[in-house]
Amino acid sequence: MVHAVVVFPGSSETERVKAAILLAERLKAGHLFLAGSSEAAVDEVHAWTYGKVVATRAALGFQRVDKNTTAPYNIEVQKVAADATEQAEQAAAYFRSNPDILSAVLVGTSWHLPRAYMTLVAKLMADKDQGLWPAKVLPTVAVRQMGQDMHLVSFDRLKGKSMTPRDQYSAAEHEQLLLAQDTARGVAATDQVLEDYLKVIDAWW
């Protein structure tokens, strides 16, 4: 049983949230959690909100449960996160505040999911070292049509934050570089930390 579906939004992609809603419905999850996005730090128009999630759910063909209940699961939406590290911190905090969440699925597109998952695993294992037993989280890919541009947030010391269109291939290469950097900094899990986590959650063969 999956208790929560988690999304780290970003790059102006809607596929992650759509896939998460579909999974929450199919798996009968109790929670749908959206971390904040770095795009929202540049312009709030890019922020996911509760209203946007509800509208997306309706566009996918799902009706309200009744006049007082929007969905058969709790919808929690954070507004802004500087990066994947802060998104992982937001997700871990949500897990801690909802102890009924023992298992979850992290949804991401293929180019971004490895870093998102390894960052969340690093945070969960750091919490474990503080005596907090980690939730069982496994990754799943939201399918995205090839050939579409995405918008990556960049920061310039003089110009501040901005968003730059990039194709998926260059974005994937950029993600591999970021993953290596984040792993070296200790904010993304190493292969050994990932192995330890999978053993802890009984997902190691």
N, C-alpha and C. Protein backbone atom coordinates (compact mmCIF):
# COMPACT_ATOMS: atom_id res chain seq x y z
N MET A 1 0.84 -1.20 0.00
CA MET A 1 0.00 0.00 0.00
C MET A 1 0.88 1.25 0.00
N VAL A 2 0.51 2.23 -0.80
CA VAL A 2 1.22 3.51 -0.87
C VAL A 2 0.41 4.55 -0.12
N HIS A 3 1.03 5.16 0.87
CA HIS A 3 0.31 6.14 1.68
C HIS A 3 0.39 7.55 1.11
N ALA A 4 1.42 7.84 0.31
CA ALA A 4 1.58 9.19 -0.21
C ALA A 4 2.23 9.16 -1.58
N VAL A 5 1.86 10.13 -2.40
CA VAL A 5 2.53 10.37 -3.68
C VAL A 5 3.18 11.74 -3.58
N VAL A 6 4.46 11.80 -3.89
CA VAL A 6 5.26 13.01 -3.70
C VAL A 6 5.78 13.50 -5.05
N VAL A 7 5.78 14.81 -5.23
CA VAL A 7 6.30 15.41 -6.46
C VAL A 7 7.26 16.53 -6.10
N PHE A 8 8.38 16.58 -6.81
CA PHE A 8 9.27 17.74 -6.76
C PHE A 8 9.06 18.49 -8.08
N PRO A 9 8.19 19.51 -8.10
CA PRO A 9 7.91 20.21 -9.36
C PRO A 9 9.14 20.98 -9.85
N GLY A 10 9.12 21.31 -11.14
CA GLY A 10 10.21 22.11 -11.68
C GLY A 10 10.20 22.17 -13.19
N SER A 11 10.97 23.12 -13.69
CA SER A 11 11.21 23.29 -15.13
C SER A 11 9.94 23.47 -15.94
N SER A 12 8.91 24.02 -15.32
CA SER A 12 7.64 24.30 -15.99
C SER A 12 6.99 23.05 -16.56
N GLU A 13 7.35 21.88 -16.03
CA GLU A 13 6.74 20.63 -16.49
C GLU A 13 5.43 20.38 -15.75
N THR A 14 4.40 20.02 -16.50
CA THR A 14 3.12 19.66 -15.88
C THR A 14 2.99 18.14 -15.76
N GLU A 15 3.82 17.40 -16.50
CA GLU A 15 3.69 15.95 -16.51
C GLU A 15 3.89 15.33 -15.14
N ARG A 16 4.79 15.90 -14.34
CA ARG A 16 5.06 15.32 -13.02
C ARG A 16 3.79 15.34 -12.16
N VAL A 17 3.11 16.48 -12.15
CA VAL A 17 1.92 16.62 -11.31
C VAL A 17 0.77 15.77 -11.86
N LYS A 18 0.60 15.75 -13.17
CA LYS A 18 -0.46 14.93 -13.76
C LYS A 18 -0.25 13.45 -13.43
N ALA A 19 0.98 12.98 -13.58
CA ALA A 19 1.27 11.58 -13.26
C ALA A 19 1.04 11.30 -11.79
N ALA A 20 1.38 12.25 -10.93
CA ALA A 20 1.20 12.06 -9.49
C ALA A 20 -0.28 11.96 -9.14
N ILE A 21 -1.10 12.78 -9.76
CA ILE A 21 -2.55 12.72 -9.50
C ILE A 21 -3.10 11.36 -9.94
N LEU A 22 -2.71 10.92 -11.12
CA LEU A 22 -3.18 9.63 -11.63
C LEU A 22 -2.77 8.49 -10.69
N LEU A 23 -1.54 8.56 -10.18
CA LEU A 23 -1.07 7.54 -9.26
C LEU A 23 -1.83 7.59 -7.93
N ALA A 24 -2.04 8.79 -7.42
CA ALA A 24 -2.76 8.92 -6.15
C ALA A 24 -4.16 8.34 -6.25
N GLU A 25 -4.80 8.54 -7.40
CA GLU A 25 -6.14 7.99 -7.61
C GLU A 25 -6.08 6.46 -7.71
N ARG A 26 -5.16 5.97 -8.54
CA ARG A 26 -5.11 4.53 -8.79
C ARG A 26 -4.66 3.74 -7.57
N LEU A 27 -3.71 4.29 -6.82
CA LEU A 27 -3.16 3.58 -5.67
C LEU A 27 -3.94 3.84 -4.38
N LYS A 28 -4.95 4.73 -4.48
CA LYS A 28 -5.77 5.08 -3.31
C LYS A 28 -4.90 5.60 -2.17
N ALA A 29 -3.99 6.50 -2.52
CA ALA A 29 -3.09 7.09 -1.53
C ALA A 29 -3.87 8.01 -0.59
N GLY A 30 -3.30 8.24 0.57
CA GLY A 30 -3.95 9.14 1.52
C GLY A 30 -3.47 10.57 1.40
N HIS A 31 -2.33 10.77 0.70
CA HIS A 31 -1.74 12.09 0.59
C HIS A 31 -1.18 12.32 -0.80
N LEU A 32 -1.30 13.55 -1.28
CA LEU A 32 -0.60 14.01 -2.48
C LEU A 32 0.19 15.25 -2.04
N PHE A 33 1.51 15.15 -2.10
CA PHE A 33 2.37 16.23 -1.62
C PHE A 33 3.19 16.81 -2.74
N LEU A 34 3.08 18.13 -2.93
CA LEU A 34 3.91 18.84 -3.90
C LEU A 34 4.88 19.74 -3.14
N ALA A 35 6.17 19.49 -3.34
CA ALA A 35 7.16 20.39 -2.78
C ALA A 35 7.12 21.71 -3.56
N GLY A 36 7.82 22.71 -3.04
CA GLY A 36 7.88 23.99 -3.74
C GLY A 36 8.72 23.89 -5.00
N SER A 37 8.67 24.93 -5.82
CA SER A 37 9.47 24.94 -7.04
C SER A 37 10.39 26.15 -7.06
N SER A 38 11.53 25.99 -7.72
CA SER A 38 12.48 27.10 -7.81
C SER A 38 11.99 28.17 -8.78
N GLU A 39 11.13 27.76 -9.74
CA GLU A 39 10.57 28.76 -10.66
C GLU A 39 9.75 29.81 -9.93
N ALA A 40 9.08 29.38 -8.87
CA ALA A 40 8.23 30.30 -8.12
C ALA A 40 9.05 31.38 -7.43
N ALA A 41 10.34 31.09 -7.20
CA ALA A 41 11.20 32.10 -6.60
C ALA A 41 11.50 33.22 -7.59
N VAL A 42 11.40 32.90 -8.89
CA VAL A 42 11.62 33.90 -9.93
C VAL A 42 10.34 34.68 -10.20
N ASP A 43 9.23 33.95 -10.32
CA ASP A 43 7.94 34.57 -10.61
C ASP A 43 6.85 33.67 -10.06
N GLU A 44 5.98 34.22 -9.21
CA GLU A 44 4.95 33.43 -8.55
C GLU A 44 3.96 32.80 -9.53
N VAL A 45 3.90 33.31 -10.76
CA VAL A 45 2.98 32.73 -11.74
C VAL A 45 3.33 31.27 -12.01
N HIS A 46 4.58 30.90 -11.74
CA HIS A 46 5.02 29.52 -12.00
C HIS A 46 4.80 28.60 -10.81
N ALA A 47 4.30 29.14 -9.71
CA ALA A 47 4.11 28.32 -8.51
C ALA A 47 2.88 27.44 -8.66
N TRP A 48 3.02 26.19 -8.21
CA TRP A 48 1.84 25.33 -8.09
C TRP A 48 1.08 25.76 -6.85
N THR A 49 -0.23 25.78 -6.95
CA THR A 49 -1.09 26.12 -5.82
C THR A 49 -2.13 25.01 -5.66
N TYR A 50 -2.81 25.04 -4.53
CA TYR A 50 -3.88 24.06 -4.31
C TYR A 50 -4.92 24.16 -5.45
N GLY A 51 -5.27 25.39 -5.82
CA GLY A 51 -6.25 25.58 -6.88
C GLY A 51 -5.81 25.00 -8.21
N LYS A 52 -4.53 25.16 -8.54
CA LYS A 52 -4.01 24.61 -9.80
C LYS A 52 -4.03 23.09 -9.79
N VAL A 53 -3.72 22.51 -8.65
CA VAL A 53 -3.74 21.05 -8.55
C VAL A 53 -5.17 20.53 -8.70
N VAL A 54 -6.11 21.20 -8.05
CA VAL A 54 -7.52 20.80 -8.15
C VAL A 54 -8.00 20.93 -9.59
N ALA A 55 -7.62 22.01 -10.27
CA ALA A 55 -8.03 22.21 -11.66
C ALA A 55 -7.42 21.15 -12.57
N THR A 56 -6.16 20.78 -12.30
CA THR A 56 -5.49 19.74 -13.09
C THR A 56 -6.18 18.40 -12.88
N ARG A 57 -6.55 18.12 -11.65
CA ARG A 57 -7.26 16.87 -11.34
C ARG A 57 -8.59 16.83 -12.08
N ALA A 58 -9.31 17.95 -12.09
CA ALA A 58 -10.60 18.00 -12.79
C ALA A 58 -10.40 17.82 -14.30
N ALA A 59 -9.33 18.42 -14.85
CA ALA A 59 -9.05 18.29 -16.28
C ALA A 59 -8.73 16.86 -16.67
N LEU A 60 -8.24 16.07 -15.70
CA LEU A 60 -7.95 14.66 -15.96
C LEU A 60 -9.20 13.79 -15.85
N GLY A 61 -10.33 14.41 -15.50
CA GLY A 61 -11.60 13.69 -15.49
C GLY A 61 -12.07 13.23 -14.13
N PHE A 62 -11.41 13.67 -13.06
CA PHE A 62 -11.80 13.24 -11.72
C PHE A 62 -12.74 14.26 -11.09
N GLN A 63 -13.83 13.77 -10.49
CA GLN A 63 -14.83 14.63 -9.89
C GLN A 63 -14.56 14.82 -8.40
N ARG A 64 -15.19 15.82 -7.84
CA ARG A 64 -15.14 16.01 -6.40
C ARG A 64 -15.79 14.81 -5.70
N VAL A 65 -15.34 14.51 -4.51
CA VAL A 65 -15.95 13.42 -3.74
C VAL A 65 -17.36 13.81 -3.35
N ASP A 66 -17.51 15.02 -2.83
CA ASP A 66 -18.82 15.59 -2.53
C ASP A 66 -18.64 17.11 -2.45
N LYS A 67 -19.67 17.82 -2.07
CA LYS A 67 -19.58 19.28 -2.09
C LYS A 67 -18.57 19.83 -1.09
N ASN A 68 -18.23 19.03 -0.10
CA ASN A 68 -17.29 19.48 0.92
C ASN A 68 -15.89 18.90 0.77
N THR A 69 -15.74 17.92 -0.11
CA THR A 69 -14.46 17.21 -0.23
C THR A 69 -14.00 17.22 -1.68
N THR A 70 -12.81 17.76 -1.90
CA THR A 70 -12.29 17.87 -3.27
C THR A 70 -11.82 16.53 -3.81
N ALA A 71 -11.01 15.82 -3.02
CA ALA A 71 -10.38 14.58 -3.48
C ALA A 71 -10.38 13.56 -2.34
N PRO A 72 -10.22 12.29 -2.67
CA PRO A 72 -10.21 11.25 -1.63
C PRO A 72 -8.87 11.15 -0.90
N TYR A 73 -8.04 12.17 -1.01
CA TYR A 73 -6.75 12.20 -0.32
C TYR A 73 -6.43 13.66 0.02
N ASN A 74 -5.56 13.83 0.99
CA ASN A 74 -5.14 15.16 1.38
C ASN A 74 -4.19 15.74 0.34
N ILE A 75 -4.41 16.97 -0.08
CA ILE A 75 -3.55 17.65 -1.03
C ILE A 75 -2.79 18.74 -0.30
N GLU A 76 -1.47 18.62 -0.29
CA GLU A 76 -0.61 19.60 0.37
C GLU A 76 0.35 20.18 -0.67
N VAL A 77 0.39 21.50 -0.77
CA VAL A 77 1.21 22.16 -1.78
C VAL A 77 2.11 23.20 -1.13
N GLN A 78 3.39 23.02 -1.28
CA GLN A 78 4.35 24.05 -0.87
C GLN A 78 4.57 24.99 -2.05
N LYS A 79 4.93 26.21 -1.78
CA LYS A 79 5.00 27.20 -2.85
C LYS A 79 6.39 27.31 -3.48
N VAL A 80 7.39 27.57 -2.66
CA VAL A 80 8.73 27.85 -3.17
C VAL A 80 9.75 26.93 -2.52
N ALA A 81 10.70 26.47 -3.32
CA ALA A 81 11.88 25.76 -2.81
C ALA A 81 13.06 26.20 -3.66
N ALA A 82 14.16 26.49 -3.03
CA ALA A 82 15.32 26.99 -3.76
C ALA A 82 15.90 25.94 -4.70
N ASP A 83 15.87 24.67 -4.25
CA ASP A 83 16.50 23.61 -5.03
C ASP A 83 15.98 22.26 -4.54
N ALA A 84 16.56 21.18 -5.08
CA ALA A 84 16.11 19.83 -4.71
C ALA A 84 16.37 19.54 -3.24
N THR A 85 17.40 20.13 -2.69
CA THR A 85 17.70 19.92 -1.27
C THR A 85 16.57 20.45 -0.40
N GLU A 86 16.08 21.64 -0.71
CA GLU A 86 14.98 22.20 0.07
C GLU A 86 13.69 21.43 -0.18
N GLN A 87 13.49 20.95 -1.41
CA GLN A 87 12.33 20.12 -1.70
C GLN A 87 12.36 18.86 -0.84
N ALA A 88 13.52 18.24 -0.72
CA ALA A 88 13.66 17.03 0.10
C ALA A 88 13.38 17.35 1.57
N GLU A 89 13.84 18.49 2.03
CA GLU A 89 13.57 18.89 3.41
C GLU A 89 12.08 19.09 3.65
N GLN A 90 11.39 19.69 2.66
CA GLN A 90 9.95 19.89 2.79
C GLN A 90 9.23 18.55 2.83
N ALA A 91 9.63 17.61 1.97
CA ALA A 91 8.98 16.30 1.94
C ALA A 91 9.23 15.55 3.25
N ALA A 92 10.46 15.58 3.74
CA ALA A 92 10.78 14.89 4.99
C ALA A 92 10.00 15.49 6.15
N ALA A 93 9.85 16.81 6.16
CA ALA A 93 9.08 17.46 7.22
C ALA A 93 7.61 17.04 7.16
N TYR A 94 7.09 16.89 5.94
CA TYR A 94 5.70 16.45 5.79
C TYR A 94 5.53 15.02 6.29
N PHE A 95 6.50 14.17 6.00
CA PHE A 95 6.46 12.80 6.52
C PHE A 95 6.43 12.81 8.05
N ARG A 96 7.28 13.65 8.64
CA ARG A 96 7.35 13.70 10.11
C ARG A 96 6.04 14.18 10.72
N SER A 97 5.37 15.10 10.04
CA SER A 97 4.11 15.65 10.58
C SER A 97 2.92 14.76 10.28
N ASN A 98 3.13 13.72 9.47
CA ASN A 98 2.06 12.77 9.14
C ASN A 98 2.60 11.35 9.34
N PRO A 99 2.65 10.88 10.57
CA PRO A 99 3.26 9.58 10.86
C PRO A 99 2.52 8.39 10.24
N ASP A 100 1.33 8.63 9.67
CA ASP A 100 0.64 7.54 8.97
C ASP A 100 1.31 7.22 7.64
N ILE A 101 2.20 8.10 7.17
CA ILE A 101 2.89 7.85 5.90
C ILE A 101 4.08 6.93 6.15
N LEU A 102 3.90 5.68 5.83
CA LEU A 102 4.97 4.69 5.98
C LEU A 102 5.60 4.36 4.64
N SER A 103 4.86 4.60 3.56
CA SER A 103 5.39 4.33 2.22
C SER A 103 4.93 5.43 1.27
N ALA A 104 5.76 5.71 0.28
CA ALA A 104 5.44 6.78 -0.66
C ALA A 104 6.10 6.51 -2.00
N VAL A 105 5.60 7.20 -3.01
CA VAL A 105 6.18 7.16 -4.35
C VAL A 105 6.63 8.56 -4.70
N LEU A 106 7.85 8.70 -5.20
CA LEU A 106 8.36 9.98 -5.68
C LEU A 106 8.25 10.01 -7.19
N VAL A 107 7.53 10.98 -7.72
CA VAL A 107 7.28 11.08 -9.17
C VAL A 107 8.20 12.14 -9.77
N GLY A 108 8.81 11.80 -10.89
CA GLY A 108 9.64 12.78 -11.61
C GLY A 108 9.82 12.36 -13.04
N THR A 109 10.18 13.30 -13.90
CA THR A 109 10.50 12.95 -15.27
C THR A 109 11.90 12.34 -15.31
N SER A 110 12.19 11.59 -16.37
CA SER A 110 13.39 10.76 -16.40
C SER A 110 14.68 11.55 -16.22
N TRP A 111 14.74 12.74 -16.75
CA TRP A 111 15.99 13.49 -16.69
C TRP A 111 16.26 14.04 -15.28
N HIS A 112 15.20 14.25 -14.49
CA HIS A 112 15.35 14.88 -13.18
C HIS A 112 15.25 13.90 -12.01
N LEU A 113 14.59 12.77 -12.22
CA LEU A 113 14.28 11.86 -11.12
C LEU A 113 15.50 11.33 -10.37
N PRO A 114 16.60 10.97 -11.04
CA PRO A 114 17.73 10.42 -10.27
C PRO A 114 18.23 11.37 -9.18
N ARG A 115 18.42 12.64 -9.50
CA ARG A 115 18.91 13.59 -8.50
C ARG A 115 17.87 13.85 -7.42
N ALA A 116 16.59 13.95 -7.83
CA ALA A 116 15.52 14.17 -6.85
C ALA A 116 15.48 13.02 -5.85
N TYR A 117 15.54 11.80 -6.35
CA TYR A 117 15.45 10.63 -5.47
C TYR A 117 16.66 10.52 -4.56
N MET A 118 17.85 10.69 -5.12
CA MET A 118 19.06 10.57 -4.32
C MET A 118 19.13 11.67 -3.26
N THR A 119 18.58 12.83 -3.56
CA THR A 119 18.56 13.92 -2.58
C THR A 119 17.60 13.60 -1.44
N LEU A 120 16.43 13.04 -1.78
CA LEU A 120 15.47 12.67 -0.75
C LEU A 120 16.01 11.54 0.11
N VAL A 121 16.65 10.57 -0.52
CA VAL A 121 17.24 9.46 0.25
C VAL A 121 18.29 9.98 1.23
N ALA A 122 19.12 10.91 0.79
CA ALA A 122 20.14 11.47 1.67
C ALA A 122 19.50 12.13 2.88
N LYS A 123 18.41 12.85 2.66
CA LYS A 123 17.73 13.53 3.76
C LYS A 123 17.09 12.52 4.71
N LEU A 124 16.44 11.51 4.17
CA LEU A 124 15.80 10.50 5.02
C LEU A 124 16.82 9.73 5.86
N MET A 125 17.97 9.45 5.26
CA MET A 125 19.00 8.73 6.01
C MET A 125 19.66 9.63 7.06
N ALA A 126 19.76 10.92 6.75
CA ALA A 126 20.28 11.85 7.76
C ALA A 126 19.32 11.92 8.94
N ASP A 127 18.01 11.92 8.66
CA ASP A 127 17.02 11.91 9.74
C ASP A 127 17.10 10.61 10.54
N LYS A 128 17.38 9.51 9.84
CA LYS A 128 17.51 8.22 10.54
C LYS A 128 18.63 8.28 11.56
N ASP A 129 19.71 8.95 11.20
CA ASP A 129 20.83 9.09 12.13
C ASP A 129 20.44 9.87 13.38
N GLN A 130 19.34 10.63 13.26
CA GLN A 130 18.83 11.39 14.41
C GLN A 130 17.72 10.63 15.14
N GLY A 131 17.54 9.37 14.74
CA GLY A 131 16.58 8.53 15.44
C GLY A 131 15.20 8.47 14.81
N LEU A 132 15.05 9.01 13.60
CA LEU A 132 13.75 9.00 12.92
C LEU A 132 13.75 7.92 11.84
N TRP A 133 12.85 6.94 11.99
CA TRP A 133 12.81 5.84 11.02
C TRP A 133 12.27 6.35 9.69
N PRO A 134 12.95 6.09 8.58
CA PRO A 134 12.53 6.66 7.29
C PRO A 134 11.34 5.95 6.67
N ALA A 135 10.54 6.73 5.97
CA ALA A 135 9.45 6.15 5.18
C ALA A 135 10.04 5.38 4.00
N LYS A 136 9.31 4.41 3.53
CA LYS A 136 9.74 3.63 2.36
C LYS A 136 9.31 4.39 1.11
N VAL A 137 10.27 4.96 0.41
CA VAL A 137 9.99 5.76 -0.79
C VAL A 137 10.67 5.12 -1.99
N LEU A 138 9.90 4.90 -3.03
CA LEU A 138 10.45 4.36 -4.28
C LEU A 138 10.12 5.34 -5.42
N PRO A 139 10.99 5.42 -6.43
CA PRO A 139 10.79 6.38 -7.52
C PRO A 139 9.95 5.81 -8.66
N THR A 140 9.26 6.69 -9.37
CA THR A 140 8.56 6.29 -10.59
C THR A 140 8.62 7.43 -11.58
N VAL A 141 8.65 7.09 -12.87
CA VAL A 141 8.87 8.08 -13.92
C VAL A 141 7.55 8.58 -14.49
N ALA A 142 7.44 9.89 -14.60
CA ALA A 142 6.33 10.51 -15.33
C ALA A 142 6.75 10.66 -16.78
N VAL A 143 6.00 10.07 -17.68
CA VAL A 143 6.36 10.11 -19.10
C VAL A 143 6.20 11.52 -19.65
N ARG A 144 7.19 11.97 -20.39
CA ARG A 144 7.14 13.29 -21.01
C ARG A 144 7.54 13.17 -22.47
N GLN A 145 6.74 13.77 -23.35
CA GLN A 145 7.02 13.71 -24.78
C GLN A 145 8.38 14.33 -25.08
N MET A 146 9.18 13.65 -25.89
CA MET A 146 10.50 14.17 -26.23
C MET A 146 10.37 15.40 -27.14
N GLY A 147 11.40 16.21 -27.13
CA GLY A 147 11.44 17.36 -28.03
C GLY A 147 10.90 18.64 -27.45
N GLN A 148 10.38 18.59 -26.22
CA GLN A 148 9.85 19.80 -25.61
C GLN A 148 10.94 20.51 -24.82
N ASP A 149 10.93 21.84 -24.90
CA ASP A 149 11.87 22.61 -24.09
C ASP A 149 11.38 22.67 -22.65
N MET A 150 12.28 22.96 -21.75
CA MET A 150 11.94 23.19 -20.35
C MET A 150 12.67 24.45 -19.91
N HIS A 151 12.32 24.94 -18.75
CA HIS A 151 12.93 26.17 -18.26
C HIS A 151 13.71 25.87 -16.98
N LEU A 152 14.99 26.15 -17.03
CA LEU A 152 15.84 25.93 -15.87
C LEU A 152 16.13 27.25 -15.17
N VAL A 153 16.07 27.22 -13.88
CA VAL A 153 16.36 28.42 -13.09
C VAL A 153 17.87 28.55 -12.91
N SER A 154 18.37 29.73 -13.20
CA SER A 154 19.80 29.99 -12.98
C SER A 154 19.94 31.24 -12.12
N PHE A 155 21.12 31.38 -11.52
CA PHE A 155 21.34 32.53 -10.64
C PHE A 155 22.63 33.23 -11.04
N ASP A 156 22.52 34.51 -11.26
CA ASP A 156 23.66 35.35 -11.57
C ASP A 156 23.85 36.34 -10.43
N ARG A 157 25.07 36.51 -9.97
CA ARG A 157 25.33 37.36 -8.81
C ARG A 157 24.86 38.80 -9.04
N LEU A 158 24.91 39.27 -10.29
CA LEU A 158 24.51 40.65 -10.59
C LEU A 158 23.06 40.74 -11.06
N LYS A 159 22.63 39.77 -11.86
CA LYS A 159 21.30 39.83 -12.45
C LYS A 159 20.23 39.15 -11.59
N GLY A 160 20.66 38.33 -10.64
CA GLY A 160 19.70 37.60 -9.82
C GLY A 160 19.22 36.34 -10.52
N LYS A 161 18.07 35.84 -10.11
CA LYS A 161 17.54 34.59 -10.67
C LYS A 161 16.84 34.85 -12.00
N SER A 162 16.96 33.90 -12.90
CA SER A 162 16.28 33.98 -14.19
C SER A 162 15.97 32.57 -14.67
N MET A 163 15.10 32.46 -15.68
CA MET A 163 14.75 31.15 -16.24
C MET A 163 15.17 31.12 -17.71
N THR A 164 15.84 30.05 -18.07
CA THR A 164 16.37 29.91 -19.42
C THR A 164 15.80 28.66 -20.07
N PRO A 165 15.21 28.78 -21.29
CA PRO A 165 14.73 27.58 -21.99
C PRO A 165 15.89 26.67 -22.37
N ARG A 166 15.71 25.37 -22.16
CA ARG A 166 16.72 24.39 -22.55
C ARG A 166 16.02 23.15 -23.07
N ASP A 167 16.66 22.49 -24.05
CA ASP A 167 16.06 21.25 -24.53
C ASP A 167 16.36 20.14 -23.55
N GLN A 168 15.62 19.04 -23.67
CA GLN A 168 15.72 17.96 -22.70
C GLN A 168 17.09 17.30 -22.67
N TYR A 169 17.75 17.24 -23.82
CA TYR A 169 19.05 16.58 -23.87
C TYR A 169 20.09 17.36 -23.07
N SER A 170 20.15 18.67 -23.28
CA SER A 170 21.12 19.47 -22.53
C SER A 170 20.74 19.54 -21.06
N ALA A 171 19.42 19.52 -20.77
CA ALA A 171 18.97 19.53 -19.38
C ALA A 171 19.39 18.25 -18.67
N ALA A 172 19.30 17.11 -19.37
CA ALA A 172 19.71 15.84 -18.78
C ALA A 172 21.21 15.83 -18.49
N GLU A 173 21.99 16.38 -19.40
CA GLU A 173 23.43 16.46 -19.18
C GLU A 173 23.73 17.36 -17.98
N HIS A 174 23.00 18.46 -17.88
CA HIS A 174 23.17 19.38 -16.76
C HIS A 174 22.82 18.70 -15.44
N GLU A 175 21.77 17.88 -15.45
CA GLU A 175 21.37 17.16 -14.25
C GLU A 175 22.44 16.19 -13.79
N GLN A 176 23.10 15.51 -14.72
CA GLN A 176 24.17 14.59 -14.35
C GLN A 176 25.31 15.33 -13.67
N LEU A 177 25.61 16.52 -14.17
CA LEU A 177 26.65 17.34 -13.55
C LEU A 177 26.23 17.76 -12.14
N LEU A 178 24.97 18.20 -12.00
CA LEU A 178 24.48 18.61 -10.69
C LEU A 178 24.47 17.45 -9.70
N LEU A 179 24.08 16.26 -10.19
CA LEU A 179 24.06 15.09 -9.31
C LEU A 179 25.45 14.78 -8.78
N ALA A 180 26.44 14.85 -9.66
CA ALA A 180 27.82 14.60 -9.23
C ALA A 180 28.26 15.64 -8.20
N GLN A 181 27.92 16.90 -8.44
CA GLN A 181 28.29 17.96 -7.51
C GLN A 181 27.58 17.80 -6.16
N ASP A 182 26.28 17.49 -6.22
CA ASP A 182 25.50 17.34 -4.98
C ASP A 182 25.96 16.13 -4.18
N THR A 183 26.35 15.07 -4.89
CA THR A 183 26.87 13.88 -4.20
C THR A 183 28.17 14.21 -3.49
N ALA A 184 29.02 14.96 -4.17
CA ALA A 184 30.30 15.35 -3.58
C ALA A 184 30.09 16.26 -2.36
N ARG A 185 29.03 17.07 -2.39
CA ARG A 185 28.73 17.97 -1.28
C ARG A 185 28.00 17.28 -0.14
N GLY A 186 27.54 16.04 -0.39
CA GLY A 186 26.86 15.29 0.64
C GLY A 186 25.37 15.54 0.73
N VAL A 187 24.79 16.28 -0.23
CA VAL A 187 23.35 16.53 -0.19
C VAL A 187 22.56 15.53 -1.04
N ALA A 188 23.27 14.77 -1.86
CA ALA A 188 22.65 13.66 -2.59
C ALA A 188 23.33 12.38 -2.12
N ALA A 189 22.57 11.31 -2.06
CA ALA A 189 23.09 10.05 -1.53
C ALA A 189 24.15 9.44 -2.43
N THR A 190 25.16 8.86 -1.83
CA THR A 190 26.12 8.06 -2.57
C THR A 190 25.49 6.69 -2.85
N ASP A 191 26.15 5.89 -3.67
CA ASP A 191 25.65 4.54 -3.94
C ASP A 191 25.56 3.73 -2.64
N GLN A 192 26.51 3.93 -1.74
CA GLN A 192 26.50 3.18 -0.48
C GLN A 192 25.34 3.60 0.40
N VAL A 193 25.07 4.92 0.46
CA VAL A 193 23.94 5.41 1.26
C VAL A 193 22.63 4.88 0.67
N LEU A 194 22.53 4.87 -0.67
CA LEU A 194 21.33 4.33 -1.31
C LEU A 194 21.16 2.86 -0.96
N GLU A 195 22.24 2.09 -1.02
CA GLU A 195 22.16 0.67 -0.67
C GLU A 195 21.71 0.49 0.78
N ASP A 196 22.28 1.29 1.67
CA ASP A 196 21.90 1.21 3.09
C ASP A 196 20.41 1.53 3.26
N TYR A 197 19.94 2.55 2.54
CA TYR A 197 18.53 2.93 2.65
C TYR A 197 17.62 1.81 2.15
N LEU A 198 17.96 1.24 1.00
CA LEU A 198 17.13 0.17 0.44
C LEU A 198 17.10 -1.04 1.38
N LYS A 199 18.17 -1.29 2.08
CA LYS A 199 18.19 -2.38 3.06
C LYS A 199 17.30 -2.03 4.25
N VAL A 200 17.35 -0.77 4.68
CA VAL A 200 16.53 -0.34 5.81
C VAL A 200 15.04 -0.50 5.51
N ILE A 201 14.64 -0.16 4.27
CA ILE A 201 13.23 -0.23 3.92
C ILE A 201 12.85 -1.59 3.34
N ASP A 202 13.78 -2.54 3.41
CA ASP A 202 13.52 -3.92 2.95
C ASP A 202 13.22 -3.95 1.46
N ALA A 203 13.99 -3.18 0.68
CA ALA A 203 13.81 -3.17 -0.76
C ALA A 203 15.09 -3.60 -1.48
N TRP A 204 16.00 -4.19 -0.73
CA TRP A 204 17.26 -4.65 -1.29
C TRP A 204 17.17 -6.15 -1.57
N TRP A 205 17.66 -6.56 -2.76
CA TRP A 205 17.53 -7.99 -3.09
C TRP A 205 18.66 -8.80 -2.49
